Amino acid sequence: MDTLGQAARDVVIGNRILAHEGVVDAYGHVSVRHPREPGRYFLSRSRAPELVELGDVIEYDLAGNAVGGDARAPYLERFIHGAIYEARPDVQAVVHAHAEAVLRSRSRRRRCGRSCTWRASFGARLPCGTSGIGSAPRICWW
């Protein structure tokens, strides 16, 4: 499988694993940086993470615009994914999760920016870590 196909598969696998493990709720999601174009990333259309399939993956630029004009409903938070990729060239994947326990436990590890949810702030910096998910060695959690 080529690197583009693997990156899209990583989005699907990441969403499903994190949903299965209870890390993301119905509104959480995973994106993966484009392996050849660092100014782009892959993210599913707006869909519950446990339902994401390969055909749901959309390519975005850092401004959150769907490359190729894909008109399916996107996640509203896609702009934050793009901002993280723009600010942090070393980050290869981003996880958006509403699970407060995960944010608290991750905050003890390496940090890279602000971490917050709708109603509470969990620190001045965003926890980063590594994963064993395919082409995503560094992940930011927000």
N, C-alpha and C. Protein backbone atom coordinates (compact mmCIF):
# COMPACT_ATOMS: atom_id res chain seq x y z
N MET A 1 0.84 -1.17 0.00
CA MET A 1 0.00 0.00 0.00
C MET A 1 0.89 1.24 0.00
N ASP A 2 0.52 2.25 -0.78
CA ASP A 2 1.30 3.48 -0.84
C ASP A 2 1.09 4.31 0.43
N THR A 3 1.91 5.36 0.59
CA THR A 3 1.86 6.16 1.82
C THR A 3 0.55 6.93 1.96
N LEU A 4 -0.04 7.36 0.83
CA LEU A 4 -1.33 8.07 0.92
C LEU A 4 -2.43 7.13 1.40
N GLY A 5 -2.45 5.95 0.83
CA GLY A 5 -3.44 4.96 1.26
C GLY A 5 -3.26 4.58 2.72
N GLN A 6 -2.01 4.47 3.15
CA GLN A 6 -1.74 4.12 4.55
C GLN A 6 -2.17 5.25 5.47
N ALA A 7 -1.95 6.50 5.08
CA ALA A 7 -2.37 7.63 5.92
C ALA A 7 -3.89 7.65 6.07
N ALA A 8 -4.61 7.40 5.00
CA ALA A 8 -6.08 7.35 5.07
C ALA A 8 -6.53 6.18 5.95
N ARG A 9 -5.85 5.04 5.81
CA ARG A 9 -6.17 3.90 6.68
C ARG A 9 -5.89 4.21 8.14
N ASP A 10 -4.83 4.97 8.41
CA ASP A 10 -4.50 5.35 9.79
C ASP A 10 -5.62 6.18 10.40
N VAL A 11 -6.26 7.04 9.59
CA VAL A 11 -7.40 7.82 10.09
C VAL A 11 -8.52 6.88 10.52
N VAL A 12 -8.82 5.91 9.67
CA VAL A 12 -9.90 4.95 9.98
C VAL A 12 -9.53 4.13 11.22
N ILE A 13 -8.35 3.56 11.22
CA ILE A 13 -7.92 2.71 12.33
C ILE A 13 -7.85 3.50 13.63
N GLY A 14 -7.28 4.71 13.57
CA GLY A 14 -7.18 5.55 14.76
C GLY A 14 -8.53 5.88 15.35
N ASN A 15 -9.48 6.26 14.50
CA ASN A 15 -10.84 6.56 14.98
C ASN A 15 -11.46 5.34 15.63
N ARG A 16 -11.35 4.20 14.98
CA ARG A 16 -12.00 2.99 15.51
C ARG A 16 -11.36 2.50 16.80
N ILE A 17 -10.04 2.53 16.87
CA ILE A 17 -9.37 2.09 18.09
C ILE A 17 -9.74 3.00 19.26
N LEU A 18 -9.64 4.31 19.05
CA LEU A 18 -9.92 5.24 20.14
C LEU A 18 -11.39 5.20 20.56
N ALA A 19 -12.30 4.95 19.61
CA ALA A 19 -13.72 4.79 19.96
C ALA A 19 -13.92 3.50 20.75
N HIS A 20 -13.32 2.42 20.30
CA HIS A 20 -13.44 1.13 20.98
C HIS A 20 -12.91 1.20 22.41
N GLU A 21 -11.82 1.93 22.61
CA GLU A 21 -11.21 2.04 23.93
C GLU A 21 -11.87 3.11 24.80
N GLY A 22 -12.85 3.83 24.25
CA GLY A 22 -13.55 4.84 25.02
C GLY A 22 -12.79 6.15 25.18
N VAL A 23 -11.77 6.34 24.37
CA VAL A 23 -10.97 7.56 24.44
C VAL A 23 -11.71 8.73 23.80
N VAL A 24 -12.39 8.47 22.69
CA VAL A 24 -13.20 9.50 22.04
C VAL A 24 -14.66 9.11 22.14
N ASP A 25 -15.51 10.11 22.28
CA ASP A 25 -16.95 9.87 22.29
C ASP A 25 -17.48 10.00 20.87
N ALA A 26 -18.76 10.13 20.70
CA ALA A 26 -19.37 10.22 19.37
C ALA A 26 -18.91 11.45 18.59
N TYR A 27 -18.32 12.42 19.28
CA TYR A 27 -17.89 13.66 18.63
C TYR A 27 -16.38 13.79 18.50
N GLY A 28 -15.63 12.84 19.02
CA GLY A 28 -14.17 12.89 18.91
C GLY A 28 -13.73 12.39 17.55
N HIS A 29 -12.49 12.71 17.19
CA HIS A 29 -11.98 12.27 15.89
C HIS A 29 -10.46 12.39 15.82
N VAL A 30 -9.91 11.78 14.78
CA VAL A 30 -8.47 11.69 14.56
C VAL A 30 -8.15 12.22 13.17
N SER A 31 -7.07 12.98 13.05
CA SER A 31 -6.57 13.36 11.73
C SER A 31 -5.12 12.94 11.62
N VAL A 32 -4.65 12.80 10.38
CA VAL A 32 -3.27 12.41 10.10
C VAL A 32 -2.71 13.36 9.05
N ARG A 33 -1.49 13.85 9.27
CA ARG A 33 -0.85 14.74 8.31
C ARG A 33 -0.59 13.99 7.00
N HIS A 34 -0.76 14.68 5.89
CA HIS A 34 -0.47 14.13 4.56
C HIS A 34 1.01 13.76 4.51
N PRO A 35 1.37 12.55 4.10
CA PRO A 35 2.77 12.13 4.14
C PRO A 35 3.66 12.83 3.10
N ARG A 36 3.08 13.39 2.04
CA ARG A 36 3.89 14.05 0.99
C ARG A 36 3.71 15.56 0.96
N GLU A 37 2.58 16.04 1.43
CA GLU A 37 2.25 17.47 1.41
C GLU A 37 2.02 17.92 2.86
N PRO A 38 3.05 18.45 3.53
CA PRO A 38 2.89 18.80 4.95
C PRO A 38 1.84 19.88 5.22
N GLY A 39 1.40 20.59 4.18
CA GLY A 39 0.37 21.60 4.33
C GLY A 39 -1.03 21.05 4.15
N ARG A 40 -1.16 19.73 4.25
CA ARG A 40 -2.47 19.08 4.13
C ARG A 40 -2.58 17.96 5.17
N TYR A 41 -3.82 17.56 5.42
CA TYR A 41 -4.05 16.46 6.35
C TYR A 41 -5.33 15.73 5.97
N PHE A 42 -5.48 14.53 6.52
CA PHE A 42 -6.65 13.69 6.28
C PHE A 42 -7.50 13.63 7.55
N LEU A 43 -8.80 13.76 7.37
CA LEU A 43 -9.76 13.72 8.46
C LEU A 43 -11.06 13.17 7.89
N SER A 44 -11.77 12.40 8.66
CA SER A 44 -13.05 11.85 8.21
C SER A 44 -14.08 12.97 8.03
N ARG A 45 -15.09 12.70 7.23
CA ARG A 45 -16.25 13.58 7.21
C ARG A 45 -16.87 13.51 8.60
N SER A 46 -17.78 14.39 8.93
CA SER A 46 -18.39 14.41 10.25
C SER A 46 -19.19 13.13 10.46
N ARG A 47 -18.65 12.26 11.29
CA ARG A 47 -19.24 10.95 11.52
C ARG A 47 -18.73 10.41 12.85
N ALA A 48 -19.55 9.64 13.55
CA ALA A 48 -19.11 9.02 14.80
C ALA A 48 -17.86 8.17 14.52
N PRO A 49 -16.84 8.25 15.37
CA PRO A 49 -15.56 7.59 15.07
C PRO A 49 -15.64 6.08 14.89
N GLU A 50 -16.56 5.43 15.58
CA GLU A 50 -16.64 3.97 15.42
C GLU A 50 -17.23 3.56 14.07
N LEU A 51 -17.79 4.51 13.34
CA LEU A 51 -18.39 4.23 12.03
C LEU A 51 -17.52 4.64 10.85
N VAL A 52 -16.39 5.28 11.09
CA VAL A 52 -15.55 5.80 10.02
C VAL A 52 -15.03 4.66 9.14
N GLU A 53 -15.16 4.88 7.83
CA GLU A 53 -14.66 3.94 6.82
C GLU A 53 -13.73 4.69 5.88
N LEU A 54 -12.98 3.98 5.09
CA LEU A 54 -12.01 4.58 4.18
C LEU A 54 -12.65 5.62 3.26
N GLY A 55 -13.85 5.35 2.78
CA GLY A 55 -14.53 6.30 1.90
C GLY A 55 -14.96 7.58 2.57
N ASP A 56 -14.87 7.66 3.90
CA ASP A 56 -15.25 8.86 4.64
C ASP A 56 -14.10 9.86 4.76
N VAL A 57 -12.90 9.45 4.44
CA VAL A 57 -11.72 10.29 4.65
C VAL A 57 -11.63 11.37 3.58
N ILE A 58 -11.44 12.61 4.05
CA ILE A 58 -11.34 13.78 3.18
C ILE A 58 -9.97 14.43 3.40
N GLU A 59 -9.39 14.94 2.34
CA GLU A 59 -8.12 15.66 2.43
C GLU A 59 -8.42 17.15 2.59
N TYR A 60 -7.73 17.80 3.55
CA TYR A 60 -7.91 19.22 3.83
C TYR A 60 -6.59 19.97 3.72
N ASP A 61 -6.68 21.28 3.42
CA ASP A 61 -5.51 22.14 3.53
C ASP A 61 -5.48 22.69 4.96
N LEU A 62 -4.44 23.42 5.31
CA LEU A 62 -4.30 23.90 6.69
C LEU A 62 -5.37 24.90 7.10
N ALA A 63 -6.05 25.50 6.12
CA ALA A 63 -7.14 26.44 6.43
C ALA A 63 -8.46 25.71 6.64
N GLY A 64 -8.47 24.39 6.51
CA GLY A 64 -9.68 23.61 6.72
C GLY A 64 -10.56 23.48 5.50
N ASN A 65 -10.02 23.81 4.31
CA ASN A 65 -10.77 23.65 3.07
C ASN A 65 -10.56 22.26 2.51
N ALA A 66 -11.65 21.62 2.10
CA ALA A 66 -11.54 20.30 1.49
C ALA A 66 -10.85 20.42 0.14
N VAL A 67 -9.77 19.66 -0.05
CA VAL A 67 -9.05 19.65 -1.31
C VAL A 67 -9.93 18.92 -2.33
N GLY A 68 -10.13 19.52 -3.47
CA GLY A 68 -10.97 18.90 -4.49
C GLY A 68 -12.44 19.24 -4.34
N GLY A 69 -12.77 20.08 -3.38
CA GLY A 69 -14.15 20.55 -3.24
C GLY A 69 -15.14 19.54 -2.68
N ASP A 70 -14.68 18.57 -1.93
CA ASP A 70 -15.59 17.59 -1.32
C ASP A 70 -16.63 18.34 -0.49
N ALA A 71 -17.90 18.10 -0.76
CA ALA A 71 -18.98 18.87 -0.12
C ALA A 71 -19.66 18.14 1.03
N ARG A 72 -19.16 16.96 1.41
CA ARG A 72 -19.77 16.26 2.54
C ARG A 72 -19.56 17.05 3.82
N ALA A 73 -20.45 16.85 4.78
CA ALA A 73 -20.41 17.60 6.05
C ALA A 73 -19.08 17.35 6.77
N PRO A 74 -18.32 18.42 7.03
CA PRO A 74 -17.05 18.27 7.75
C PRO A 74 -17.23 18.47 9.26
N TYR A 75 -16.21 18.08 10.01
CA TYR A 75 -16.18 18.41 11.44
C TYR A 75 -15.95 19.92 11.56
N LEU A 76 -16.63 20.55 12.49
CA LEU A 76 -16.43 21.98 12.70
C LEU A 76 -15.03 22.27 13.24
N GLU A 77 -14.44 21.33 13.96
CA GLU A 77 -13.12 21.53 14.58
C GLU A 77 -11.96 21.34 13.62
N ARG A 78 -12.22 21.10 12.35
CA ARG A 78 -11.14 20.85 11.39
C ARG A 78 -10.14 22.01 11.34
N PHE A 79 -10.60 23.22 11.60
CA PHE A 79 -9.71 24.38 11.58
C PHE A 79 -8.63 24.28 12.65
N ILE A 80 -8.98 23.70 13.78
CA ILE A 80 -8.01 23.55 14.87
C ILE A 80 -6.97 22.50 14.49
N HIS A 81 -7.39 21.45 13.80
CA HIS A 81 -6.43 20.46 13.31
C HIS A 81 -5.40 21.16 12.42
N GLY A 82 -5.90 21.96 11.47
CA GLY A 82 -5.00 22.67 10.55
C GLY A 82 -4.06 23.61 11.28
N ALA A 83 -4.57 24.31 12.30
CA ALA A 83 -3.74 25.24 13.06
C ALA A 83 -2.63 24.50 13.82
N ILE A 84 -2.94 23.34 14.35
CA ILE A 84 -1.92 22.55 15.06
C ILE A 84 -0.86 22.08 14.07
N TYR A 85 -1.27 21.57 12.92
CA TYR A 85 -0.29 21.13 11.92
C TYR A 85 0.57 22.29 11.43
N GLU A 86 -0.03 23.46 11.29
CA GLU A 86 0.73 24.62 10.83
C GLU A 86 1.74 25.06 11.89
N ALA A 87 1.33 25.07 13.14
CA ALA A 87 2.21 25.52 14.23
C ALA A 87 3.27 24.50 14.59
N ARG A 88 2.99 23.23 14.39
CA ARG A 88 3.88 22.16 14.83
C ARG A 88 4.20 21.20 13.69
N PRO A 89 5.23 21.48 12.90
CA PRO A 89 5.59 20.59 11.79
C PRO A 89 5.97 19.18 12.22
N ASP A 90 6.33 18.99 13.50
CA ASP A 90 6.71 17.67 14.00
C ASP A 90 5.50 16.80 14.33
N VAL A 91 4.32 17.39 14.43
CA VAL A 91 3.11 16.64 14.77
C VAL A 91 2.58 15.95 13.51
N GLN A 92 2.33 14.65 13.61
CA GLN A 92 1.88 13.86 12.47
C GLN A 92 0.43 13.41 12.61
N ALA A 93 -0.17 13.59 13.77
CA ALA A 93 -1.57 13.22 13.97
C ALA A 93 -2.15 14.06 15.10
N VAL A 94 -3.46 14.32 15.03
CA VAL A 94 -4.15 15.10 16.05
C VAL A 94 -5.39 14.33 16.47
N VAL A 95 -5.65 14.27 17.77
CA VAL A 95 -6.85 13.64 18.31
C VAL A 95 -7.68 14.72 19.00
N HIS A 96 -8.94 14.81 18.63
CA HIS A 96 -9.88 15.68 19.33
C HIS A 96 -10.76 14.77 20.18
N ALA A 97 -10.74 14.98 21.48
CA ALA A 97 -11.52 14.12 22.37
C ALA A 97 -12.21 14.95 23.43
N HIS A 98 -13.37 14.53 23.84
CA HIS A 98 -14.11 15.20 24.91
C HIS A 98 -13.93 14.47 26.24
N ALA A 99 -13.12 13.44 26.25
CA ALA A 99 -12.94 12.62 27.45
C ALA A 99 -12.00 13.33 28.42
N GLU A 100 -12.54 13.91 29.48
CA GLU A 100 -11.75 14.69 30.43
C GLU A 100 -10.65 13.87 31.10
N ALA A 101 -10.93 12.62 31.40
CA ALA A 101 -9.93 11.79 32.08
C ALA A 101 -8.68 11.62 31.22
N VAL A 102 -8.86 11.54 29.91
CA VAL A 102 -7.70 11.38 29.03
C VAL A 102 -6.87 12.65 29.05
N LEU A 103 -7.50 13.79 28.97
CA LEU A 103 -6.75 15.05 28.99
C LEU A 103 -5.98 15.21 30.28
N ARG A 104 -6.58 14.87 31.40
CA ARG A 104 -5.88 14.99 32.68
C ARG A 104 -4.69 14.04 32.75
N SER A 105 -4.87 12.80 32.32
CA SER A 105 -3.78 11.83 32.42
C SER A 105 -2.66 12.14 31.44
N ARG A 106 -2.99 12.66 30.26
CA ARG A 106 -1.97 12.98 29.28
C ARG A 106 -1.18 14.22 29.66
N SER A 107 -1.74 15.07 30.52
CA SER A 107 -1.08 16.34 30.84
C SER A 107 0.23 16.14 31.61
N ARG A 108 0.49 14.96 32.09
CA ARG A 108 1.74 14.70 32.81
C ARG A 108 2.88 14.39 31.86
N ARG A 109 2.59 14.19 30.60
CA ARG A 109 3.61 13.84 29.62
C ARG A 109 4.06 15.07 28.86
N ARG A 110 4.85 14.88 27.82
CA ARG A 110 5.36 15.98 27.00
C ARG A 110 4.24 16.91 26.56
N ARG A 111 4.51 18.22 26.57
CA ARG A 111 3.48 19.22 26.30
C ARG A 111 3.82 20.02 25.05
N CYS A 112 2.76 20.52 24.37
CA CYS A 112 3.02 21.29 23.15
C CYS A 112 2.03 22.41 22.86
N GLY A 113 1.15 22.78 23.76
CA GLY A 113 0.21 23.86 23.49
C GLY A 113 -0.91 23.86 24.52
N ARG A 114 -2.00 24.56 24.29
CA ARG A 114 -3.11 24.65 25.26
C ARG A 114 -4.06 23.46 25.11
N SER A 115 -4.58 23.02 26.24
CA SER A 115 -5.53 21.92 26.27
C SER A 115 -6.81 22.38 26.95
N CYS A 116 -7.94 22.30 26.28
CA CYS A 116 -9.19 22.74 26.91
C CYS A 116 -10.38 21.98 26.30
N THR A 117 -11.50 22.01 26.99
CA THR A 117 -12.74 21.48 26.47
C THR A 117 -13.76 22.61 26.50
N TRP A 118 -15.01 22.30 26.23
CA TRP A 118 -16.04 23.34 26.18
C TRP A 118 -16.15 24.11 27.48
N ARG A 119 -16.01 23.43 28.64
CA ARG A 119 -16.29 24.10 29.90
C ARG A 119 -15.11 24.16 30.86
N ALA A 120 -14.02 23.49 30.56
CA ALA A 120 -12.94 23.46 31.54
C ALA A 120 -11.59 23.47 30.86
N SER A 121 -10.63 24.08 31.51
CA SER A 121 -9.27 24.10 31.01
C SER A 121 -8.44 23.14 31.86
N PHE A 122 -7.54 22.40 31.21
CA PHE A 122 -6.75 21.40 31.92
C PHE A 122 -5.27 21.70 31.92
N GLY A 123 -4.90 22.93 31.64
CA GLY A 123 -3.49 23.28 31.68
C GLY A 123 -3.15 24.28 30.61
N ALA A 124 -1.95 24.78 30.71
CA ALA A 124 -1.51 25.82 29.78
C ALA A 124 -0.93 25.25 28.50
N ARG A 125 -0.69 23.95 28.45
CA ARG A 125 -0.07 23.36 27.26
C ARG A 125 -0.78 22.09 26.86
N LEU A 126 -0.74 21.78 25.57
CA LEU A 126 -1.41 20.62 25.02
C LEU A 126 -0.51 19.40 25.10
N PRO A 127 -0.97 18.30 25.71
CA PRO A 127 -0.13 17.11 25.82
C PRO A 127 0.15 16.48 24.45
N CYS A 128 1.36 16.05 24.25
CA CYS A 128 1.75 15.33 23.03
C CYS A 128 2.32 14.00 23.44
N GLY A 129 2.26 13.06 22.56
CA GLY A 129 2.83 11.76 22.86
C GLY A 129 3.14 11.01 21.60
N THR A 130 3.51 9.77 21.73
CA THR A 130 3.78 8.94 20.57
C THR A 130 2.74 7.85 20.52
N SER A 131 2.60 7.24 19.36
CA SER A 131 1.66 6.15 19.22
C SER A 131 2.26 5.09 18.32
N GLY A 132 1.66 3.94 18.31
CA GLY A 132 2.09 2.89 17.41
C GLY A 132 1.20 2.82 16.19
N ILE A 133 0.42 3.87 15.91
CA ILE A 133 -0.50 3.85 14.78
C ILE A 133 0.26 4.23 13.52
N GLY A 134 0.57 3.25 12.69
CA GLY A 134 1.15 3.45 11.37
C GLY A 134 2.08 4.62 11.22
N SER A 135 1.70 5.59 10.38
CA SER A 135 2.58 6.70 10.04
C SER A 135 2.43 7.88 10.99
N ALA A 136 1.93 7.68 12.19
CA ALA A 136 1.66 8.78 13.11
C ALA A 136 2.50 8.67 14.38
N PRO A 137 3.80 9.00 14.31
CA PRO A 137 4.65 8.84 15.49
C PRO A 137 4.44 9.90 16.56
N ARG A 138 3.90 11.07 16.25
CA ARG A 138 3.67 12.10 17.26
C ARG A 138 2.22 12.57 17.13
N ILE A 139 1.52 12.54 18.25
CA ILE A 139 0.11 12.91 18.27
C ILE A 139 -0.12 14.03 19.26
N CYS A 140 -0.91 15.01 18.89
CA CYS A 140 -1.36 16.04 19.83
C CYS A 140 -2.79 15.72 20.22
N TRP A 141 -3.09 15.80 21.51
CA TRP A 141 -4.43 15.58 22.04
C TRP A 141 -5.02 16.92 22.39
N TRP A 142 -6.24 17.21 21.96
CA TRP A 142 -6.92 18.44 22.36
C TRP A 142 -8.40 18.19 22.46
